[in-house]
Amino acid sequence: MLNLTRISLLTLGRRVAETGIKPNSADIATLAMAAGNAGVSPVLVSILTDDTAPEVVRLRAYERVSCAMSRVTYRTDVAAAA
């Protein structure tokens, strides 16, 4: 995930749903860095990147982080044109 867009978030979400967090750790790290820079809860970001946390806990953190980031990546000028 080189560029954080709504499409890349949807694509990552699909992959996480199919294979889980661990196989997508590089993209999860990118998402976590962007989320931290965007002001998303540091607790959620740290849980998302914690390899020792149970998968279900990381999945819940992923849901909250990706939801917050979808609001950050949403562009009203594009939505208005659609």
PDB file of N, CA and C in Angstrom:
ATOM      1  N   MET A   1       0.865  -1.155   0.000  1.00  0.00           N
ATOM      2  CA  MET A   1       0.000   0.000   0.000  1.00  0.00           C
ATOM      3  C   MET A   1       0.916   1.223   0.000  1.00  0.00           C
ATOM      4  N   LEU A   2       1.207   1.745  -1.167  1.00  0.00           N
ATOM      5  CA  LEU A   2       2.082   2.891  -1.263  1.00  0.00           C
ATOM      6  C   LEU A   2       1.342   4.197  -1.015  1.00  0.00           C
ATOM      7  N   ASN A   3       0.106   4.265  -1.452  1.00  0.00           N
ATOM      8  CA  ASN A   3      -0.680   5.482  -1.337  1.00  0.00           C
ATOM      9  C   ASN A   3      -1.954   5.154  -0.569  1.00  0.00           C
ATOM     10  N   LEU A   4      -2.195   5.878   0.516  1.00  0.00           N
ATOM     11  CA  LEU A   4      -3.360   5.588   1.341  1.00  0.00           C
ATOM     12  C   LEU A   4      -4.590   6.281   0.759  1.00  0.00           C
ATOM     13  N   THR A   5      -5.435   5.486   0.117  1.00  0.00           N
ATOM     14  CA  THR A   5      -6.677   5.974  -0.457  1.00  0.00           C
ATOM     15  C   THR A   5      -7.805   5.083   0.050  1.00  0.00           C
ATOM     16  N   ARG A   6      -9.023   5.475  -0.252  1.00  0.00           N
ATOM     17  CA  ARG A   6     -10.152   4.620   0.145  1.00  0.00           C
ATOM     18  C   ARG A   6     -10.076   3.269  -0.569  1.00  0.00           C
ATOM     19  N   ILE A   7      -9.620   3.267  -1.809  1.00  0.00           N
ATOM     20  CA  ILE A   7      -9.498   2.005  -2.555  1.00  0.00           C
ATOM     21  C   ILE A   7      -8.458   1.108  -1.895  1.00  0.00           C
ATOM     22  N   SER A   8      -7.310   1.675  -1.498  1.00  0.00           N
ATOM     23  CA  SER A   8      -6.283   0.853  -0.856  1.00  0.00           C
ATOM     24  C   SER A   8      -6.766   0.341   0.502  1.00  0.00           C
ATOM     25  N   LEU A   9      -7.559   1.148   1.215  1.00  0.00           N
ATOM     26  CA  LEU A   9      -8.130   0.680   2.479  1.00  0.00           C
ATOM     27  C   LEU A   9      -9.109  -0.473   2.243  1.00  0.00           C
ATOM     28  N   LEU A  10      -9.929  -0.354   1.222  1.00  0.00           N
ATOM     29  CA  LEU A  10     -10.866  -1.440   0.894  1.00  0.00           C
ATOM     30  C   LEU A  10     -10.131  -2.709   0.494  1.00  0.00           C
ATOM     31  N   THR A  11      -9.089  -2.540  -0.300  1.00  0.00           N
ATOM     32  CA  THR A  11      -8.306  -3.694  -0.742  1.00  0.00           C
ATOM     33  C   THR A  11      -7.633  -4.373   0.448  1.00  0.00           C
ATOM     34  N   LEU A  12      -7.026  -3.574   1.314  1.00  0.00           N
ATOM     35  CA  LEU A  12      -6.392  -4.144   2.505  1.00  0.00           C
ATOM     36  C   LEU A  12      -7.440  -4.812   3.387  1.00  0.00           C
ATOM     37  N   GLY A  13      -8.583  -4.193   3.546  1.00  0.00           N
ATOM     38  CA  GLY A  13      -9.653  -4.791   4.344  1.00  0.00           C
ATOM     39  C   GLY A  13     -10.076  -6.149   3.820  1.00  0.00           C
ATOM     40  N   ARG A  14     -10.171  -6.254   2.512  1.00  0.00           N
ATOM     41  CA  ARG A  14     -10.530  -7.539   1.889  1.00  0.00           C
ATOM     42  C   ARG A  14      -9.465  -8.587   2.189  1.00  0.00           C
ATOM     43  N   ARG A  15      -8.189  -8.192   2.043  1.00  0.00           N
ATOM     44  CA  ARG A  15      -7.102  -9.137   2.314  1.00  0.00           C
ATOM     45  C   ARG A  15      -7.052  -9.538   3.784  1.00  0.00           C
ATOM     46  N   VAL A  16      -7.269  -8.589   4.674  1.00  0.00           N
ATOM     47  CA  VAL A  16      -7.279  -8.898   6.107  1.00  0.00           C
ATOM     48  C   VAL A  16      -8.440  -9.841   6.434  1.00  0.00           C
ATOM     49  N   ALA A  17      -9.583  -9.617   5.829  1.00  0.00           N
ATOM     50  CA  ALA A  17     -10.737 -10.500   6.056  1.00  0.00           C
ATOM     51  C   ALA A  17     -10.453 -11.919   5.573  1.00  0.00           C
ATOM     52  N   GLU A  18      -9.722 -12.041   4.478  1.00  0.00           N
ATOM     53  CA  GLU A  18      -9.441 -13.360   3.906  1.00  0.00           C
ATOM     54  C   GLU A  18      -8.288 -14.073   4.596  1.00  0.00           C
ATOM     55  N   THR A  19      -7.235 -13.329   4.974  1.00  0.00           N
ATOM     56  CA  THR A  19      -6.017 -13.991   5.459  1.00  0.00           C
ATOM     57  C   THR A  19      -5.595 -13.595   6.864  1.00  0.00           C
ATOM     58  N   GLY A  20      -6.167 -12.528   7.414  1.00  0.00           N
ATOM     59  CA  GLY A  20      -5.802 -12.105   8.756  1.00  0.00           C
ATOM     60  C   GLY A  20      -4.788 -10.971   8.757  1.00  0.00           C
ATOM     61  N   ILE A  21      -4.368 -10.583   9.945  1.00  0.00           N
ATOM     62  CA  ILE A  21      -3.461  -9.452  10.127  1.00  0.00           C
ATOM     63  C   ILE A  21      -2.014  -9.819   9.773  1.00  0.00           C
ATOM     64  N   LYS A  22      -1.514 -10.929  10.294  1.00  0.00           N
ATOM     65  CA  LYS A  22      -0.084 -11.267  10.152  1.00  0.00           C
ATOM     66  C   LYS A  22       0.403 -11.329   8.709  1.00  0.00           C
ATOM     67  N   PRO A  23      -0.316 -11.953   7.777  1.00  0.00           N
ATOM     68  CA  PRO A  23       0.182 -11.993   6.396  1.00  0.00           C
ATOM     69  C   PRO A  23       0.235 -10.621   5.718  1.00  0.00           C
ATOM     70  N   ASN A  24      -0.402  -9.647   6.308  1.00  0.00           N
ATOM     71  CA  ASN A  24      -0.450  -8.305   5.735  1.00  0.00           C
ATOM     72  C   ASN A  24       0.310  -7.298   6.597  1.00  0.00           C
ATOM     73  N   SER A  25       1.318  -7.772   7.312  1.00  0.00           N
ATOM     74  CA  SER A  25       1.979  -6.941   8.314  1.00  0.00           C
ATOM     75  C   SER A  25       2.665  -5.709   7.724  1.00  0.00           C
ATOM     76  N   ALA A  26       3.193  -5.791   6.522  1.00  0.00           N
ATOM     77  CA  ALA A  26       3.855  -4.619   5.922  1.00  0.00           C
ATOM     78  C   ALA A  26       2.828  -3.505   5.660  1.00  0.00           C
ATOM     79  N   ASP A  27       1.690  -3.861   5.104  1.00  0.00           N
ATOM     80  CA  ASP A  27       0.646  -2.866   4.845  1.00  0.00           C
ATOM     81  C   ASP A  27       0.005  -2.374   6.140  1.00  0.00           C
ATOM     82  N   ILE A  28      -0.091  -3.250   7.130  1.00  0.00           N
ATOM     83  CA  ILE A  28      -0.616  -2.846   8.434  1.00  0.00           C
ATOM     84  C   ILE A  28       0.322  -1.820   9.067  1.00  0.00           C
ATOM     85  N   ALA A  29       1.623  -2.021   8.939  1.00  0.00           N
ATOM     86  CA  ALA A  29       2.601  -1.067   9.481  1.00  0.00           C
ATOM     87  C   ALA A  29       2.466   0.286   8.790  1.00  0.00           C
ATOM     88  N   THR A  30       2.259   0.279   7.475  1.00  0.00           N
ATOM     89  CA  THR A  30       2.060   1.524   6.735  1.00  0.00           C
ATOM     90  C   THR A  30       0.787   2.226   7.200  1.00  0.00           C
ATOM     91  N   LEU A  31      -0.275   1.461   7.353  1.00  0.00           N
ATOM     92  CA  LEU A  31      -1.534   2.017   7.844  1.00  0.00           C
ATOM     93  C   LEU A  31      -1.358   2.590   9.245  1.00  0.00           C
ATOM     94  N   ALA A  32      -0.655   1.871  10.107  1.00  0.00           N
ATOM     95  CA  ALA A  32      -0.445   2.329  11.484  1.00  0.00           C
ATOM     96  C   ALA A  32       0.349   3.628  11.518  1.00  0.00           C
ATOM     97  N   MET A  33       1.346   3.742  10.666  1.00  0.00           N
ATOM     98  CA  MET A  33       2.142   4.969  10.627  1.00  0.00           C
ATOM     99  C   MET A  33       1.277   6.150  10.172  1.00  0.00           C
ATOM    100  N   ALA A  34       0.496   5.926   9.129  1.00  0.00           N
ATOM    101  CA  ALA A  34      -0.385   6.991   8.635  1.00  0.00           C
ATOM    102  C   ALA A  34      -1.435   7.353   9.677  1.00  0.00           C
ATOM    103  N   ALA A  35      -1.959   6.345  10.369  1.00  0.00           N
ATOM    104  CA  ALA A  35      -2.969   6.593  11.392  1.00  0.00           C
ATOM    105  C   ALA A  35      -2.387   7.392  12.552  1.00  0.00           C
ATOM    106  N   GLY A  36      -1.190   7.041  12.958  1.00  0.00           N
ATOM    107  CA  GLY A  36      -0.543   7.792  14.023  1.00  0.00           C
ATOM    108  C   GLY A  36      -0.330   9.237  13.634  1.00  0.00           C
ATOM    109  N   ASN A  37       0.099   9.462  12.387  1.00  0.00           N
ATOM    110  CA  ASN A  37       0.309  10.830  11.898  1.00  0.00           C
ATOM    111  C   ASN A  37      -1.001  11.595  11.774  1.00  0.00           C
ATOM    112  N   ALA A  38      -2.112  10.878  11.565  1.00  0.00           N
ATOM    113  CA  ALA A  38      -3.415  11.519  11.393  1.00  0.00           C
ATOM    114  C   ALA A  38      -4.122  11.767  12.728  1.00  0.00           C
ATOM    115  N   GLY A  39      -3.512  11.318  13.818  1.00  0.00           N
ATOM    116  CA  GLY A  39      -4.097  11.566  15.123  1.00  0.00           C
ATOM    117  C   GLY A  39      -5.055  10.497  15.616  1.00  0.00           C
ATOM    118  N   VAL A  40      -5.030   9.333  14.996  1.00  0.00           N
ATOM    119  CA  VAL A  40      -5.862   8.223  15.472  1.00  0.00           C
ATOM    120  C   VAL A  40      -5.304   7.767  16.822  1.00  0.00           C
ATOM    121  N   SER A  41      -6.162   7.261  17.663  1.00  0.00           N
ATOM    122  CA  SER A  41      -5.786   6.851  19.019  1.00  0.00           C
ATOM    123  C   SER A  41      -4.488   6.042  19.036  1.00  0.00           C
ATOM    124  N   PRO A  42      -3.489   6.500  19.794  1.00  0.00           N
ATOM    125  CA  PRO A  42      -2.235   5.750  19.894  1.00  0.00           C
ATOM    126  C   PRO A  42      -2.430   4.359  20.500  1.00  0.00           C
ATOM    127  N   VAL A  43      -3.441   4.202  21.346  1.00  0.00           N
ATOM    128  CA  VAL A  43      -3.719   2.888  21.930  1.00  0.00           C
ATOM    129  C   VAL A  43      -4.145   1.918  20.832  1.00  0.00           C
ATOM    130  N   LEU A  44      -5.058   2.356  19.957  1.00  0.00           N
ATOM    131  CA  LEU A  44      -5.499   1.493  18.855  1.00  0.00           C
ATOM    132  C   LEU A  44      -4.349   1.159  17.928  1.00  0.00           C
ATOM    133  N   VAL A  45      -3.532   2.155  17.617  1.00  0.00           N
ATOM    134  CA  VAL A  45      -2.397   1.931  16.708  1.00  0.00           C
ATOM    135  C   VAL A  45      -1.418   0.945  17.329  1.00  0.00           C
ATOM    136  N   SER A  46      -1.152   1.073  18.620  1.00  0.00           N
ATOM    137  CA  SER A  46      -0.195   0.152  19.248  1.00  0.00           C
ATOM    138  C   SER A  46      -0.747  -1.266  19.318  1.00  0.00           C
ATOM    139  N   ILE A  47      -2.041  -1.416  19.563  1.00  0.00           N
ATOM    140  CA  ILE A  47      -2.647  -2.754  19.557  1.00  0.00           C
ATOM    141  C   ILE A  47      -2.577  -3.353  18.162  1.00  0.00           C
ATOM    142  N   LEU A  48      -2.860  -2.554  17.165  1.00  0.00           N
ATOM    143  CA  LEU A  48      -2.830  -3.031  15.781  1.00  0.00           C
ATOM    144  C   LEU A  48      -1.462  -3.580  15.410  1.00  0.00           C
ATOM    145  N   THR A  49      -0.413  -2.963  15.889  1.00  0.00           N
ATOM    146  CA  THR A  49       0.949  -3.378  15.509  1.00  0.00           C
ATOM    147  C   THR A  49       1.588  -4.334  16.505  1.00  0.00           C
ATOM    148  N   ASP A  50       0.890  -4.704  17.563  1.00  0.00           N
ATOM    149  CA  ASP A  50       1.433  -5.589  18.592  1.00  0.00           C
ATOM    150  C   ASP A  50       1.336  -7.050  18.147  1.00  0.00           C
ATOM    151  N   ASP A  51       2.478  -7.617  17.796  1.00  0.00           N
ATOM    152  CA  ASP A  51       2.503  -9.005  17.323  1.00  0.00           C
ATOM    153  C   ASP A  51       2.129 -10.014  18.408  1.00  0.00           C
ATOM    154  N   THR A  52       2.187  -9.608  19.674  1.00  0.00           N
ATOM    155  CA  THR A  52       1.861 -10.535  20.756  1.00  0.00           C
ATOM    156  C   THR A  52       0.381 -10.501  21.140  1.00  0.00           C
ATOM    157  N   ALA A  53      -0.351  -9.526  20.622  1.00  0.00           N
ATOM    158  CA  ALA A  53      -1.783  -9.430  20.932  1.00  0.00           C
ATOM    159  C   ALA A  53      -2.549 -10.516  20.182  1.00  0.00           C
ATOM    160  N   PRO A  54      -3.628 -11.026  20.774  1.00  0.00           N
ATOM    161  CA  PRO A  54      -4.449 -12.016  20.064  1.00  0.00           C
ATOM    162  C   PRO A  54      -4.990 -11.447  18.749  1.00  0.00           C
ATOM    163  N   GLU A  55      -5.123 -12.309  17.775  1.00  0.00           N
ATOM    164  CA  GLU A  55      -5.585 -11.896  16.442  1.00  0.00           C
ATOM    165  C   GLU A  55      -6.920 -11.158  16.498  1.00  0.00           C
ATOM    166  N   VAL A  56      -7.845 -11.646  17.308  1.00  0.00           N
ATOM    167  CA  VAL A  56      -9.167 -11.013  17.366  1.00  0.00           C
ATOM    168  C   VAL A  56      -9.068  -9.589  17.901  1.00  0.00           C
ATOM    169  N   VAL A  57      -8.168  -9.346  18.836  1.00  0.00           N
ATOM    170  CA  VAL A  57      -7.986  -8.001  19.380  1.00  0.00           C
ATOM    171  C   VAL A  57      -7.386  -7.086  18.310  1.00  0.00           C
ATOM    172  N   ARG A  58      -6.422  -7.611  17.570  1.00  0.00           N
ATOM    173  CA  ARG A  58      -5.813  -6.827  16.495  1.00  0.00           C
ATOM    174  C   ARG A  58      -6.818  -6.552  15.384  1.00  0.00           C
ATOM    175  N   LEU A  59      -7.690  -7.504  15.095  1.00  0.00           N
ATOM    176  CA  LEU A  59      -8.723  -7.290  14.081  1.00  0.00           C
ATOM    177  C   LEU A  59      -9.697  -6.194  14.506  1.00  0.00           C
ATOM    178  N   ARG A  60     -10.048  -6.170  15.773  1.00  0.00           N
ATOM    179  CA  ARG A  60     -10.939  -5.115  16.266  1.00  0.00           C
ATOM    180  C   ARG A  60     -10.251  -3.752  16.182  1.00  0.00           C
ATOM    181  N   ALA A  61      -8.979  -3.714  16.523  1.00  0.00           N
ATOM    182  CA  ALA A  61      -8.228  -2.459  16.409  1.00  0.00           C
ATOM    183  C   ALA A  61      -8.128  -2.043  14.946  1.00  0.00           C
ATOM    184  N   TYR A  62      -7.907  -3.014  14.059  1.00  0.00           N
ATOM    185  CA  TYR A  62      -7.841  -2.715  12.632  1.00  0.00           C
ATOM    186  C   TYR A  62      -9.150  -2.074  12.157  1.00  0.00           C
ATOM    187  N   GLU A  63     -10.256  -2.629  12.589  1.00  0.00           N
ATOM    188  CA  GLU A  63     -11.561  -2.089  12.175  1.00  0.00           C
ATOM    189  C   GLU A  63     -11.699  -0.629  12.583  1.00  0.00           C
ATOM    190  N   ARG A  64     -11.343  -0.322  13.808  1.00  0.00           N
ATOM    191  CA  ARG A  64     -11.473   1.051  14.300  1.00  0.00           C
ATOM    192  C   ARG A  64     -10.500   1.990  13.602  1.00  0.00           C
ATOM    193  N   VAL A  65      -9.263   1.529  13.395  1.00  0.00           N
ATOM    194  CA  VAL A  65      -8.258   2.369  12.733  1.00  0.00           C
ATOM    195  C   VAL A  65      -8.637   2.600  11.274  1.00  0.00           C
ATOM    196  N   SER A  66      -9.028   1.547  10.578  1.00  0.00           N
ATOM    197  CA  SER A  66      -9.369   1.713   9.156  1.00  0.00           C
ATOM    198  C   SER A  66     -10.608   2.586   8.992  1.00  0.00           C
ATOM    199  N   CYS A  67     -11.549   2.473   9.914  1.00  0.00           N
ATOM    200  CA  CYS A  67     -12.737   3.333   9.865  1.00  0.00           C
ATOM    201  C   CYS A  67     -12.336   4.795  10.052  1.00  0.00           C
ATOM    202  N   ALA A  68     -11.474   5.053  11.014  1.00  0.00           N
ATOM    203  CA  ALA A  68     -11.006   6.427  11.234  1.00  0.00           C
ATOM    204  C   ALA A  68     -10.239   6.943  10.024  1.00  0.00           C
ATOM    205  N   MET A  69      -9.431   6.099   9.427  1.00  0.00           N
ATOM    206  CA  MET A  69      -8.644   6.530   8.269  1.00  0.00           C
ATOM    207  C   MET A  69      -9.513   6.710   7.031  1.00  0.00           C
ATOM    208  N   SER A  70     -10.610   5.988   6.938  1.00  0.00           N
ATOM    209  CA  SER A  70     -11.502   6.198   5.791  1.00  0.00           C
ATOM    210  C   SER A  70     -12.117   7.583   5.845  1.00  0.00           C
ATOM    211  N   ARG A  71     -12.330   8.094   7.050  1.00  0.00           N
ATOM    212  CA  ARG A  71     -12.827   9.461   7.175  1.00  0.00           C
ATOM    213  C   ARG A  71     -11.752  10.464   6.777  1.00  0.00           C
ATOM    214  N   VAL A  72     -10.503  10.152   7.083  1.00  0.00           N
ATOM    215  CA  VAL A  72      -9.392  11.047   6.739  1.00  0.00           C
ATOM    216  C   VAL A  72      -9.172  11.079   5.228  1.00  0.00           C
ATOM    217  N   THR A  73      -9.326   9.932   4.573  1.00  0.00           N
ATOM    218  CA  THR A  73      -9.057   9.853   3.138  1.00  0.00           C
ATOM    219  C   THR A  73     -10.253  10.242   2.285  1.00  0.00           C
ATOM    220  N   TYR A  74     -11.409  10.477   2.902  1.00  0.00           N
ATOM    221  CA  TYR A  74     -12.609  10.827   2.160  1.00  0.00           C
ATOM    222  C   TYR A  74     -12.507  12.252   1.633  1.00  0.00           C
ATOM    223  N   ARG A  75     -12.691  12.425   0.357  1.00  0.00           N
ATOM    224  CA  ARG A  75     -12.607  13.742  -0.259  1.00  0.00           C
ATOM    225  C   ARG A  75     -13.994  14.162  -0.707  1.00  0.00           C
ATOM    226  N   THR A  76     -14.511  15.218  -0.122  1.00  0.00           N
ATOM    227  CA  THR A  76     -15.861  15.651  -0.442  1.00  0.00           C
ATOM    228  C   THR A  76     -15.981  16.172  -1.866  1.00  0.00           C
ATOM    229  N   ASP A  77     -14.907  16.727  -2.421  1.00  0.00           N
ATOM    230  CA  ASP A  77     -14.992  17.236  -3.789  1.00  0.00           C
ATOM    231  C   ASP A  77     -15.198  16.103  -4.783  1.00  0.00           C
ATOM    232  N   VAL A  78     -14.607  14.931  -4.517  1.00  0.00           N
ATOM    233  CA  VAL A  78     -14.790  13.775  -5.395  1.00  0.00           C
ATOM    234  C   VAL A  78     -16.183  13.195  -5.188  1.00  0.00           C
ATOM    235  N   ALA A  79     -16.628  13.119  -3.932  1.00  0.00           N
ATOM    236  CA  ALA A  79     -17.935  12.559  -3.642  1.00  0.00           C
ATOM    237  C   ALA A  79     -19.048  13.403  -4.252  1.00  0.00           C
ATOM    238  N   ALA A  80     -18.870  14.702  -4.238  1.00  0.00           N
ATOM    239  CA  ALA A  80     -19.894  15.601  -4.796  1.00  0.00           C
ATOM    240  C   ALA A  80     -20.014  15.423  -6.306  1.00  0.00           C
ATOM    241  N   ALA A  81     -18.917  15.073  -6.950  1.00  0.00           N
ATOM    242  CA  ALA A  81     -18.931  14.913  -8.405  1.00  0.00           C
ATOM    243  C   ALA A  81     -19.507  13.561  -8.822  1.00  0.00           C
ATOM    244  N   ALA A  82     -19.521  12.610  -7.908  1.00  0.00           N
ATOM    245  CA  ALA A  82     -19.971  11.249  -8.244  1.00  0.00           C
ATOM    246  C   ALA A  82     -21.474  11.163  -8.329  1.00  0.00           C
TER     247      ALA A  82
END
